[in-house]
Every structure is written in C-alpha cells, then in structure tokens.
Amino acid sequence: MSITGVIGFVGAGNMAGALVRGMLGNQVAAPAQIWATNRSSDERLGGLRDRYGITVTRSKSDLAAASSILVLAVKPKDMAGVLRELAPLVRADHLVISVAAGIPLRSIESALSGVPVIRAMPNTSAAVQESATALAAGMRADAVHLAAAETIFRAVGDVMAVDEDLLDVVTGLSGSGPAYVYRLIEAMIHAGTDLGLDALLARRLAVQTLIGAARMLETSSEDPGALRERVTSPGGTTMAALRALEDGGFAMAIREAIGRAADRAREMADEFAGGEPAKRLAAER
C-alpha cells in the first residue's frame, strides 16, 4: 500500500529521517510527496533534501497547505509551541500523527480543534526498519486514518493498534525497550572482558547471541519460556546462569524498569495537560 497526498514532517530529527528513509525505500511514498520543516536547523533540513530529494521549507504555513498528513516528530518539550503554531493552519481534512511521548490525544485534539489525530509510539530501531510501533487513534480518527498511519510506520517495522490507555505501558516496554537491550549487551560484553575475552570478540559474541535468540522467537510458535526451558539442562551451565540472574532480581528489575517508564509517561501527560503549556494554549484560543 502506498500513501496518496503529501506527508509533512514537523521536525527533522532522527525519527523523521528514519521514517523518510523507510517510506522511500519501501515505495510507500515518492520524494515529491514528502515535505519537512523544523525549528532552527537548516543543516538538518538541507541534509534530508540532498539525501532523499524531498521538499524542505522554513514555513509551517507552506508545509501545512501542501500536506494532507502532518507528522509531529518533535520532542515533548517542544510540542506546546508546535501546536500553537499549527492551530490556525490545520484543516479538518488533515490527519495529524504525533510521535511525541507522553503527550495525550486529548491535549492535541484540544489544541487542533476538529482534526483527526493519531498517537504513534515507535522506537529507535526505526533507523534500521525494525521498530515496534503502537498506534492509538483519537476520537475523530477513523479506519481510513488508522490505515494510513499503519502504512507509514510499517515502512520502519512492525505496527499494532492499541487503546490509548495502554500506550504508556507500550512506551515503557518497547518505546524505551532498546535501551534495556543495549544495557544487557553492554553488561554481557563487560562480563566477557572481565573474564578474559578480547573486547571485540565479546561484543561480536554478545550481539550475535541477541540476534539469534530474537530470530528464534520470531520464527518459532513457542513462547519465550518454552524456548528458555529447551536450552536449560538440569544441573548445566545455563541453569547456573539463570539462577544467578533470578537471585539478583532480574525479572523484578525488568518489571520495575518498565513500570517506572510507564509512570513517567503518565506524569508527562499530566504535566502537559495541566501545566503551563496547556494554560498558554487555552488562553490563546
């Protein structure tokens, strides 16, 4: 499936670049269908234009006028200003997609009255087209809007739709998840080098172990517990290692990490909805 119309990116950072690369590489859109703007970096915009042949502009007004889909690829702290600028520019026939963590649909819909909105929670693996992305549709977004968003994010990985009340947990599990995996690999490498392996060899072994285990999970109908049991011989090395992990509180630490990330996403939503950004937006409407 391909996208019709123009997709306008507000924000030209890493996520925008990953989405542009994925869409072009998977023929979801042509260069002429992609526009981008950002707050201040002409160098970033010029890089996207030169690399991908897309249209870049310093004018949000021009971008909004040309686009049928607006992707808000900005940091949460910048969202209030972006919504304030876009409020007089958006049309009822726009689809707005936000990738900003912790900014609730109700806040975006309130600022951009009458416009369909979808929240997306991808992760940084979009850079290699292996993101896990969850989508939550707002009150005015219908099946057609959701299908368009799915098409965009499927270009950089797997996509699933969830209710918005689950999106904070998604943020904790998969949105922040790459960092947990990197920390695990980092710890495995350090353990290997502490026990005598060359650093490059330890890295190669750890990374390939992760890739192989993930591929096994991807291609197997068995759940992770069954696969774990299959490679854990009674009294063997793997059992000894797993006991050490559990003695160290491994499973509970992961549960606590995901829970804390989800809690922080909820706090960010509350801060945005009830804090100064929301008050400024309300005062200006």
C-alpha atoms as a PDB file:
ATOM      1  CA  MET A   1       0.000   0.000   0.000  1.00  0.00           C
ATOM      2  CA  SER A   2       1.215   3.497  -0.784  1.00  0.00           C
ATOM      3  CA  ILE A   3       0.215   6.889   0.556  1.00  0.00           C
ATOM      4  CA  THR A   4      -1.684   9.416  -1.529  1.00  0.00           C
ATOM      5  CA  GLY A   5      -1.134  13.118  -0.985  1.00  0.00           C
ATOM      6  CA  VAL A   6       1.753  14.856   0.764  1.00  0.00           C
ATOM      7  CA  ILE A   7       3.205  13.927   4.152  1.00  0.00           C
ATOM      8  CA  GLY A   8       4.595  16.916   6.019  1.00  0.00           C
ATOM      9  CA  PHE A   9       7.103  16.361   8.817  1.00  0.00           C
ATOM     10  CA  VAL A  10       7.221  18.974  11.551  1.00  0.00           C
ATOM     11  CA  GLY A  11      10.620  18.172  12.984  1.00  0.00           C
ATOM     12  CA  ALA A  12      13.582  16.831  11.054  1.00  0.00           C
ATOM     13  CA  GLY A  13      15.410  14.747  13.639  1.00  0.00           C
ATOM     14  CA  ASN A  14      16.344  11.070  13.745  1.00  0.00           C
ATOM     15  CA  MET A  15      12.790   9.700  13.770  1.00  0.00           C
ATOM     16  CA  ALA A  16      11.729  11.867  10.844  1.00  0.00           C
ATOM     17  CA  GLY A  17      14.822  10.779   8.921  1.00  0.00           C
ATOM     18  CA  ALA A  18      14.136   7.110   9.663  1.00  0.00           C
ATOM     19  CA  LEU A  19      10.526   7.409   8.501  1.00  0.00           C
ATOM     20  CA  VAL A  20      11.521   9.225   5.311  1.00  0.00           C
ATOM     21  CA  ARG A  21      14.157   6.596   4.527  1.00  0.00           C
ATOM     22  CA  GLY A  22      11.757   3.740   5.267  1.00  0.00           C
ATOM     23  CA  MET A  23       8.902   5.151   3.218  1.00  0.00           C
ATOM     24  CA  LEU A  24      11.080   5.869   0.200  1.00  0.00           C
ATOM     25  CA  GLY A  25      12.897   2.548   0.433  1.00  0.00           C
ATOM     26  CA  ASN A  26       9.627   0.623   0.631  1.00  0.00           C
ATOM     27  CA  GLN A  27       7.924   2.747  -2.037  1.00  0.00           C
ATOM     28  CA  VAL A  28       5.263   3.939   0.373  1.00  0.00           C
ATOM     29  CA  ALA A  29       5.757   7.475  -0.932  1.00  0.00           C
ATOM     30  CA  ALA A  30       7.781   9.266  -3.596  1.00  0.00           C
ATOM     31  CA  PRO A  31      10.202  12.112  -2.771  1.00  0.00           C
ATOM     32  CA  ALA A  32       7.750  14.642  -4.219  1.00  0.00           C
ATOM     33  CA  GLN A  33       5.192  13.550  -1.602  1.00  0.00           C
ATOM     34  CA  ILE A  34       7.369  14.366   1.402  1.00  0.00           C
ATOM     35  CA  TRP A  35       7.924  17.794   2.912  1.00  0.00           C
ATOM     36  CA  ALA A  36       9.811  18.673   6.086  1.00  0.00           C
ATOM     37  CA  THR A  37      10.359  21.664   8.319  1.00  0.00           C
ATOM     38  CA  ASN A  38      11.959  22.215  11.699  1.00  0.00           C
ATOM     39  CA  ARG A  39      12.519  24.925  14.228  1.00  0.00           C
ATOM     40  CA  SER A  40      16.075  26.024  13.572  1.00  0.00           C
ATOM     41  CA  SER A  41      18.429  23.577  11.841  1.00  0.00           C
ATOM     42  CA  ASP A  42      18.946  24.483   8.193  1.00  0.00           C
ATOM     43  CA  GLU A  43      21.741  21.916   8.107  1.00  0.00           C
ATOM     44  CA  ARG A  44      19.362  19.110   9.109  1.00  0.00           C
ATOM     45  CA  LEU A  45      16.776  20.166   6.530  1.00  0.00           C
ATOM     46  CA  GLY A  46      19.416  20.514   3.833  1.00  0.00           C
ATOM     47  CA  GLY A  47      20.725  17.051   4.626  1.00  0.00           C
ATOM     48  CA  LEU A  48      17.267  15.487   4.181  1.00  0.00           C
ATOM     49  CA  ARG A  49      16.741  17.383   0.930  1.00  0.00           C
ATOM     50  CA  ASP A  50      20.122  16.447  -0.511  1.00  0.00           C
ATOM     51  CA  ARG A  51      19.965  12.810   0.557  1.00  0.00           C
ATOM     52  CA  TYR A  52      16.370  11.999  -0.332  1.00  0.00           C
ATOM     53  CA  GLY A  53      15.217  14.679  -2.778  1.00  0.00           C
ATOM     54  CA  ILE A  54      12.314  15.774  -0.579  1.00  0.00           C
ATOM     55  CA  THR A  55      10.978  19.326  -0.264  1.00  0.00           C
ATOM     56  CA  VAL A  56      12.100  21.332   2.758  1.00  0.00           C
ATOM     57  CA  THR A  57      10.805  24.672   3.962  1.00  0.00           C
ATOM     58  CA  ARG A  58      11.164  27.042   6.885  1.00  0.00           C
ATOM     59  CA  SER A  59       7.451  27.849   6.644  1.00  0.00           C
ATOM     60  CA  LYS A  60       4.973  25.744   8.618  1.00  0.00           C
ATOM     61  CA  SER A  61       2.220  27.563   6.754  1.00  0.00           C
ATOM     62  CA  ASP A  62       3.511  26.364   3.382  1.00  0.00           C
ATOM     63  CA  LEU A  63       4.022  22.851   4.713  1.00  0.00           C
ATOM     64  CA  ALA A  64       0.518  22.660   6.172  1.00  0.00           C
ATOM     65  CA  ALA A  65      -1.024  23.997   2.976  1.00  0.00           C
ATOM     66  CA  ALA A  66       0.767  21.377   0.864  1.00  0.00           C
ATOM     67  CA  SER A  67       0.197  18.380   3.161  1.00  0.00           C
ATOM     68  CA  SER A  68      -2.690  16.035   3.813  1.00  0.00           C
ATOM     69  CA  ILE A  69      -0.845  14.256   6.661  1.00  0.00           C
ATOM     70  CA  LEU A  70       1.173  16.108   9.290  1.00  0.00           C
ATOM     71  CA  VAL A  71       3.665  14.084  11.344  1.00  0.00           C
ATOM     72  CA  LEU A  72       4.664  15.861  14.545  1.00  0.00           C
ATOM     73  CA  ALA A  73       8.157  14.451  15.042  1.00  0.00           C
ATOM     74  CA  VAL A  74       9.228  16.819  17.813  1.00  0.00           C
ATOM     75  CA  LYS A  75      10.389  16.447  21.400  1.00  0.00           C
ATOM     76  CA  PRO A  76       7.660  16.597  24.063  1.00  0.00           C
ATOM     77  CA  LYS A  77       9.083  19.856  25.433  1.00  0.00           C
ATOM     78  CA  ASP A  78       8.579  21.494  22.033  1.00  0.00           C
ATOM     79  CA  MET A  79       5.041  20.268  21.445  1.00  0.00           C
ATOM     80  CA  ALA A  80       3.199  23.211  23.017  1.00  0.00           C
ATOM     81  CA  GLY A  81       4.918  25.676  20.695  1.00  0.00           C
ATOM     82  CA  VAL A  82       4.323  23.476  17.654  1.00  0.00           C
ATOM     83  CA  LEU A  83       0.618  23.095  18.438  1.00  0.00           C
ATOM     84  CA  ARG A  84       0.315  26.839  18.940  1.00  0.00           C
ATOM     85  CA  GLU A  85       1.841  27.470  15.502  1.00  0.00           C
ATOM     86  CA  LEU A  86      -0.221  24.804  13.758  1.00  0.00           C
ATOM     87  CA  ALA A  87      -3.594  25.649  15.334  1.00  0.00           C
ATOM     88  CA  PRO A  88      -4.514  28.306  12.729  1.00  0.00           C
ATOM     89  CA  LEU A  89      -3.018  26.273   9.859  1.00  0.00           C
ATOM     90  CA  VAL A  90      -4.610  22.821  10.141  1.00  0.00           C
ATOM     91  CA  ARG A  91      -7.722  21.803   8.213  1.00  0.00           C
ATOM     92  CA  ALA A  92     -10.476  19.331   9.007  1.00  0.00           C
ATOM     93  CA  ASP A  93      -9.176  17.096   6.188  1.00  0.00           C
ATOM     94  CA  HIS A  94      -5.687  16.880   7.699  1.00  0.00           C
ATOM     95  CA  LEU A  95      -4.550  13.773   9.553  1.00  0.00           C
ATOM     96  CA  VAL A  96      -2.169  14.651  12.397  1.00  0.00           C
ATOM     97  CA  ILE A  97       0.175  11.945  13.712  1.00  0.00           C
ATOM     98  CA  SER A  98       2.207  12.626  16.852  1.00  0.00           C
ATOM     99  CA  VAL A  99       5.288  10.638  17.829  1.00  0.00           C
ATOM    100  CA  ALA A 100       5.949  12.691  20.971  1.00  0.00           C
ATOM    101  CA  ALA A 101       5.998  10.505  24.080  1.00  0.00           C
ATOM    102  CA  GLY A 102       3.642  11.415  26.888  1.00  0.00           C
ATOM    103  CA  ILE A 103       1.502  13.967  25.036  1.00  0.00           C
ATOM    104  CA  PRO A 104      -2.105  12.711  25.265  1.00  0.00           C
ATOM    105  CA  LEU A 105      -4.581  12.737  22.430  1.00  0.00           C
ATOM    106  CA  ARG A 106      -6.953  14.981  24.351  1.00  0.00           C
ATOM    107  CA  SER A 107      -4.312  17.731  24.548  1.00  0.00           C
ATOM    108  CA  ILE A 108      -3.523  17.599  20.834  1.00  0.00           C
ATOM    109  CA  GLU A 109      -7.198  17.401  19.878  1.00  0.00           C
ATOM    110  CA  SER A 110      -7.995  20.339  22.128  1.00  0.00           C
ATOM    111  CA  ALA A 111      -5.268  22.450  20.529  1.00  0.00           C
ATOM    112  CA  LEU A 112      -6.102  21.395  16.943  1.00  0.00           C
ATOM    113  CA  SER A 113      -9.874  21.517  17.091  1.00  0.00           C
ATOM    114  CA  GLY A 114     -11.770  19.297  14.641  1.00  0.00           C
ATOM    115  CA  VAL A 115      -8.709  17.487  13.259  1.00  0.00           C
ATOM    116  CA  PRO A 116      -8.246  13.674  13.317  1.00  0.00           C
ATOM    117  CA  VAL A 117      -5.257  12.751  15.482  1.00  0.00           C
ATOM    118  CA  ILE A 118      -3.301   9.527  15.954  1.00  0.00           C
ATOM    119  CA  ARG A 119      -0.550   8.960  18.512  1.00  0.00           C
ATOM    120  CA  ALA A 120       2.345   6.721  17.494  1.00  0.00           C
ATOM    121  CA  MET A 121       4.921   5.160  19.800  1.00  0.00           C
ATOM    122  CA  PRO A 122       7.797   3.856  17.653  1.00  0.00           C
ATOM    123  CA  ASN A 123      11.293   3.203  18.936  1.00  0.00           C
ATOM    124  CA  THR A 124      14.801   3.995  17.774  1.00  0.00           C
ATOM    125  CA  SER A 125      15.088   0.725  15.847  1.00  0.00           C
ATOM    126  CA  ALA A 126      13.107   2.540  13.148  1.00  0.00           C
ATOM    127  CA  ALA A 127      16.578   3.594  11.979  1.00  0.00           C
ATOM    128  CA  VAL A 128      17.143   0.016  10.730  1.00  0.00           C
ATOM    129  CA  GLN A 129      13.469  -0.601   9.841  1.00  0.00           C
ATOM    130  CA  GLU A 130      12.941  -2.845  12.876  1.00  0.00           C
ATOM    131  CA  SER A 131      10.791  -0.621  15.075  1.00  0.00           C
ATOM    132  CA  ALA A 132       7.921  -1.880  17.188  1.00  0.00           C
ATOM    133  CA  THR A 133       5.271   0.833  16.807  1.00  0.00           C
ATOM    134  CA  ALA A 134       1.959   1.108  18.619  1.00  0.00           C
ATOM    135  CA  LEU A 135      -0.785   3.418  17.332  1.00  0.00           C
ATOM    136  CA  ALA A 136      -3.698   4.911  19.267  1.00  0.00           C
ATOM    137  CA  ALA A 137      -6.481   6.667  17.373  1.00  0.00           C
ATOM    138  CA  GLY A 138      -8.224   9.780  18.645  1.00  0.00           C
ATOM    139  CA  MET A 139     -11.946  10.418  18.663  1.00  0.00           C
ATOM    140  CA  ARG A 140     -12.077  11.791  15.109  1.00  0.00           C
ATOM    141  CA  ALA A 141      -9.691   9.287  13.527  1.00  0.00           C
ATOM    142  CA  ASP A 142     -11.437   6.541  11.553  1.00  0.00           C
ATOM    143  CA  ALA A 143     -10.319   3.276   9.953  1.00  0.00           C
ATOM    144  CA  VAL A 144      -9.001   5.092   6.877  1.00  0.00           C
ATOM    145  CA  HIS A 145      -6.833   7.366   9.006  1.00  0.00           C
ATOM    146  CA  LEU A 146      -5.540   4.411  11.014  1.00  0.00           C
ATOM    147  CA  ALA A 147      -4.720   2.501   7.817  1.00  0.00           C
ATOM    148  CA  ALA A 148      -2.694   5.470   6.526  1.00  0.00           C
ATOM    149  CA  ALA A 149      -0.730   5.644   9.790  1.00  0.00           C
ATOM    150  CA  GLU A 150      -0.144   1.888   9.716  1.00  0.00           C
ATOM    151  CA  THR A 151       1.211   2.176   6.177  1.00  0.00           C
ATOM    152  CA  ILE A 152       3.685   4.883   7.205  1.00  0.00           C
ATOM    153  CA  PHE A 153       5.016   3.066  10.259  1.00  0.00           C
ATOM    154  CA  ARG A 154       5.038  -0.381   8.658  1.00  0.00           C
ATOM    155  CA  ALA A 155       7.778   1.047   6.443  1.00  0.00           C
ATOM    156  CA  VAL A 156      10.062   1.032   9.510  1.00  0.00           C
ATOM    157  CA  GLY A 157       8.975  -2.174  11.265  1.00  0.00           C
ATOM    158  CA  ASP A 158       6.028  -3.880  12.927  1.00  0.00           C
ATOM    159  CA  VAL A 159       2.829  -1.972  13.775  1.00  0.00           C
ATOM    160  CA  MET A 160      -0.079  -2.663  16.101  1.00  0.00           C
ATOM    161  CA  ALA A 161      -3.098  -0.625  17.212  1.00  0.00           C
ATOM    162  CA  VAL A 162      -3.875  -0.239  20.930  1.00  0.00           C
ATOM    163  CA  ASP A 163      -6.208   1.801  23.118  1.00  0.00           C
ATOM    164  CA  GLU A 164      -4.554   4.968  24.317  1.00  0.00           C
ATOM    165  CA  ASP A 165      -4.747   3.890  27.949  1.00  0.00           C
ATOM    166  CA  LEU A 166      -2.213   1.168  27.093  1.00  0.00           C
ATOM    167  CA  LEU A 167       0.196   3.482  25.308  1.00  0.00           C
ATOM    168  CA  ASP A 168       2.119   4.408  28.454  1.00  0.00           C
ATOM    169  CA  VAL A 169       2.855   0.719  29.080  1.00  0.00           C
ATOM    170  CA  VAL A 170       3.892   0.380  25.428  1.00  0.00           C
ATOM    171  CA  THR A 171       6.232   3.332  25.975  1.00  0.00           C
ATOM    172  CA  GLY A 172       7.775   1.572  28.961  1.00  0.00           C
ATOM    173  CA  LEU A 173       8.094  -1.792  27.213  1.00  0.00           C
ATOM    174  CA  SER A 174       9.022  -1.122  23.593  1.00  0.00           C
ATOM    175  CA  GLY A 175       9.450   2.644  23.323  1.00  0.00           C
ATOM    176  CA  SER A 176      12.231   2.649  25.905  1.00  0.00           C
ATOM    177  CA  GLY A 177      12.984  -1.038  25.331  1.00  0.00           C
ATOM    178  CA  PRO A 178      16.026  -0.713  23.046  1.00  0.00           C
ATOM    179  CA  ALA A 179      17.905   0.917  25.916  1.00  0.00           C
ATOM    180  CA  TYR A 180      17.281  -2.122  28.130  1.00  0.00           C
ATOM    181  CA  VAL A 181      18.629  -4.420  25.432  1.00  0.00           C
ATOM    182  CA  TYR A 182      21.701  -2.234  24.922  1.00  0.00           C
ATOM    183  CA  ARG A 183      22.321  -2.284  28.670  1.00  0.00           C
ATOM    184  CA  LEU A 184      22.048  -6.085  28.719  1.00  0.00           C
ATOM    185  CA  ILE A 185      24.505  -6.406  25.837  1.00  0.00           C
ATOM    186  CA  GLU A 186      26.806  -3.886  27.500  1.00  0.00           C
ATOM    187  CA  ALA A 187      26.759  -5.964  30.691  1.00  0.00           C
ATOM    188  CA  MET A 188      27.417  -9.188  28.763  1.00  0.00           C
ATOM    189  CA  ILE A 189      30.388  -7.616  26.996  1.00  0.00           C
ATOM    190  CA  HIS A 190      31.827  -6.288  30.248  1.00  0.00           C
ATOM    191  CA  ALA A 191      31.407  -9.694  31.891  1.00  0.00           C
ATOM    192  CA  GLY A 192      33.161 -11.368  28.969  1.00  0.00           C
ATOM    193  CA  THR A 193      36.103  -8.980  29.057  1.00  0.00           C
ATOM    194  CA  ASP A 194      36.356  -9.216  32.863  1.00  0.00           C
ATOM    195  CA  LEU A 195      36.636 -12.985  32.471  1.00  0.00           C
ATOM    196  CA  GLY A 196      39.359 -12.781  29.815  1.00  0.00           C
ATOM    197  CA  LEU A 197      37.789 -12.287  26.380  1.00  0.00           C
ATOM    198  CA  ASP A 198      39.007  -9.682  23.932  1.00  0.00           C
ATOM    199  CA  ALA A 199      36.540  -6.751  23.824  1.00  0.00           C
ATOM    200  CA  LEU A 200      35.793  -7.087  20.098  1.00  0.00           C
ATOM    201  CA  LEU A 201      35.237 -10.814  20.434  1.00  0.00           C
ATOM    202  CA  ALA A 202      32.979 -10.332  23.456  1.00  0.00           C
ATOM    203  CA  ARG A 203      30.918  -7.768  21.533  1.00  0.00           C
ATOM    204  CA  ARG A 204      30.638  -9.997  18.482  1.00  0.00           C
ATOM    205  CA  LEU A 205      29.510 -12.966  20.561  1.00  0.00           C
ATOM    206  CA  ALA A 206      27.007 -10.942  22.604  1.00  0.00           C
ATOM    207  CA  VAL A 207      25.432  -9.187  19.614  1.00  0.00           C
ATOM    208  CA  GLN A 208      25.105 -12.368  17.582  1.00  0.00           C
ATOM    209  CA  THR A 209      23.615 -14.156  20.575  1.00  0.00           C
ATOM    210  CA  LEU A 210      20.924 -11.469  20.779  1.00  0.00           C
ATOM    211  CA  ILE A 211      20.248 -11.622  17.038  1.00  0.00           C
ATOM    212  CA  GLY A 212      19.982 -15.405  17.085  1.00  0.00           C
ATOM    213  CA  ALA A 213      17.673 -15.506  20.107  1.00  0.00           C
ATOM    214  CA  ALA A 214      15.414 -12.834  18.603  1.00  0.00           C
ATOM    215  CA  ARG A 215      15.273 -14.724  15.308  1.00  0.00           C
ATOM    216  CA  MET A 216      14.352 -17.916  17.153  1.00  0.00           C
ATOM    217  CA  LEU A 217      11.485 -16.120  18.872  1.00  0.00           C
ATOM    218  CA  GLU A 218      10.368 -14.559  15.597  1.00  0.00           C
ATOM    219  CA  THR A 219      10.256 -17.858  13.716  1.00  0.00           C
ATOM    220  CA  SER A 220       9.014 -20.143  16.495  1.00  0.00           C
ATOM    221  CA  SER A 221       5.438 -20.694  17.635  1.00  0.00           C
ATOM    222  CA  GLU A 222       6.716 -21.440  21.146  1.00  0.00           C
ATOM    223  CA  ASP A 223       6.669 -18.808  23.850  1.00  0.00           C
ATOM    224  CA  PRO A 224       9.923 -17.480  25.369  1.00  0.00           C
ATOM    225  CA  GLY A 225       9.541 -19.625  28.481  1.00  0.00           C
ATOM    226  CA  ALA A 226       9.364 -22.817  26.424  1.00  0.00           C
ATOM    227  CA  LEU A 227      12.433 -21.849  24.414  1.00  0.00           C
ATOM    228  CA  ARG A 228      14.285 -20.997  27.623  1.00  0.00           C
ATOM    229  CA  GLU A 229      13.432 -24.386  29.122  1.00  0.00           C
ATOM    230  CA  ARG A 230      14.604 -26.147  25.960  1.00  0.00           C
ATOM    231  CA  VAL A 231      18.112 -24.760  26.320  1.00  0.00           C
ATOM    232  CA  THR A 232      18.294 -25.168  30.106  1.00  0.00           C
ATOM    233  CA  SER A 233      19.630 -28.593  31.014  1.00  0.00           C
ATOM    234  CA  PRO A 234      19.212 -29.660  34.648  1.00  0.00           C
ATOM    235  CA  GLY A 235      22.437 -29.035  36.507  1.00  0.00           C
ATOM    236  CA  GLY A 236      24.027 -27.399  33.459  1.00  0.00           C
ATOM    237  CA  THR A 237      25.716 -24.076  32.747  1.00  0.00           C
ATOM    238  CA  THR A 238      22.571 -22.268  31.589  1.00  0.00           C
ATOM    239  CA  MET A 239      20.666 -23.263  34.719  1.00  0.00           C
ATOM    240  CA  ALA A 240      23.506 -21.962  36.868  1.00  0.00           C
ATOM    241  CA  ALA A 241      23.471 -18.668  34.971  1.00  0.00           C
ATOM    242  CA  LEU A 242      19.680 -18.268  35.186  1.00  0.00           C
ATOM    243  CA  ARG A 243      19.750 -18.927  38.925  1.00  0.00           C
ATOM    244  CA  ALA A 244      22.312 -16.151  39.296  1.00  0.00           C
ATOM    245  CA  LEU A 245      20.049 -13.779  37.327  1.00  0.00           C
ATOM    246  CA  GLU A 246      16.989 -14.616  39.416  1.00  0.00           C
ATOM    247  CA  ASP A 247      18.961 -14.400  42.659  1.00  0.00           C
ATOM    248  CA  GLY A 248      19.893 -10.891  41.535  1.00  0.00           C
ATOM    249  CA  GLY A 249      16.242  -9.979  40.985  1.00  0.00           C
ATOM    250  CA  PHE A 250      16.436  -9.961  37.174  1.00  0.00           C
ATOM    251  CA  ALA A 251      12.715 -10.377  36.394  1.00  0.00           C
ATOM    252  CA  MET A 252      11.635  -7.922  39.073  1.00  0.00           C
ATOM    253  CA  ALA A 253      14.189  -5.360  37.897  1.00  0.00           C
ATOM    254  CA  ILE A 254      12.783  -5.533  34.361  1.00  0.00           C
ATOM    255  CA  ARG A 255       9.235  -5.214  35.719  1.00  0.00           C
ATOM    256  CA  GLU A 256      10.283  -2.207  37.791  1.00  0.00           C
ATOM    257  CA  ALA A 257      12.048  -0.571  34.823  1.00  0.00           C
ATOM    258  CA  ILE A 258       9.013  -0.869  32.539  1.00  0.00           C
ATOM    259  CA  GLY A 259       6.711   0.292  35.320  1.00  0.00           C
ATOM    260  CA  ARG A 260       8.812   3.356  36.066  1.00  0.00           C
ATOM    261  CA  ALA A 261       8.990   4.313  32.396  1.00  0.00           C
ATOM    262  CA  ALA A 262       5.211   3.943  32.092  1.00  0.00           C
ATOM    263  CA  ASP A 263       4.709   6.040  35.218  1.00  0.00           C
ATOM    264  CA  ARG A 264       6.963   8.750  33.822  1.00  0.00           C
ATOM    265  CA  ALA A 265       4.968   8.777  30.568  1.00  0.00           C
ATOM    266  CA  ARG A 266       1.782   9.308  32.608  1.00  0.00           C
ATOM    267  CA  GLU A 267       3.467  12.096  34.579  1.00  0.00           C
ATOM    268  CA  MET A 268       4.484  13.788  31.331  1.00  0.00           C
ATOM    269  CA  ALA A 269       0.888  13.628  30.107  1.00  0.00           C
ATOM    270  CA  ASP A 270      -0.364  15.165  33.346  1.00  0.00           C
ATOM    271  CA  GLU A 271       2.305  17.866  33.240  1.00  0.00           C
ATOM    272  CA  PHE A 272       1.418  18.779  29.680  1.00  0.00           C
ATOM    273  CA  ALA A 273      -2.359  18.628  30.138  1.00  0.00           C
ATOM    274  CA  GLY A 274      -2.380  20.597  33.392  1.00  0.00           C
ATOM    275  CA  GLY A 275       0.780  22.634  33.226  1.00  0.00           C
ATOM    276  CA  GLU A 276       1.883  25.872  31.657  1.00  0.00           C
ATOM    277  CA  PRO A 277       1.851  24.661  28.011  1.00  0.00           C
ATOM    278  CA  ALA A 278      -1.824  23.737  28.261  1.00  0.00           C
ATOM    279  CA  LYS A 279      -2.682  27.007  30.013  1.00  0.00           C
ATOM    280  CA  ARG A 280      -0.958  29.038  27.311  1.00  0.00           C
ATOM    281  CA  LEU A 281      -2.780  27.144  24.577  1.00  0.00           C
ATOM    282  CA  ALA A 282      -6.125  27.629  26.303  1.00  0.00           C
ATOM    283  CA  ALA A 283      -5.516  31.355  26.803  1.00  0.00           C
ATOM    284  CA  GLU A 284      -4.714  31.884  23.141  1.00  0.00           C
ATOM    285  CA  ARG A 285      -7.779  30.062  21.766  1.00  0.00           C
END
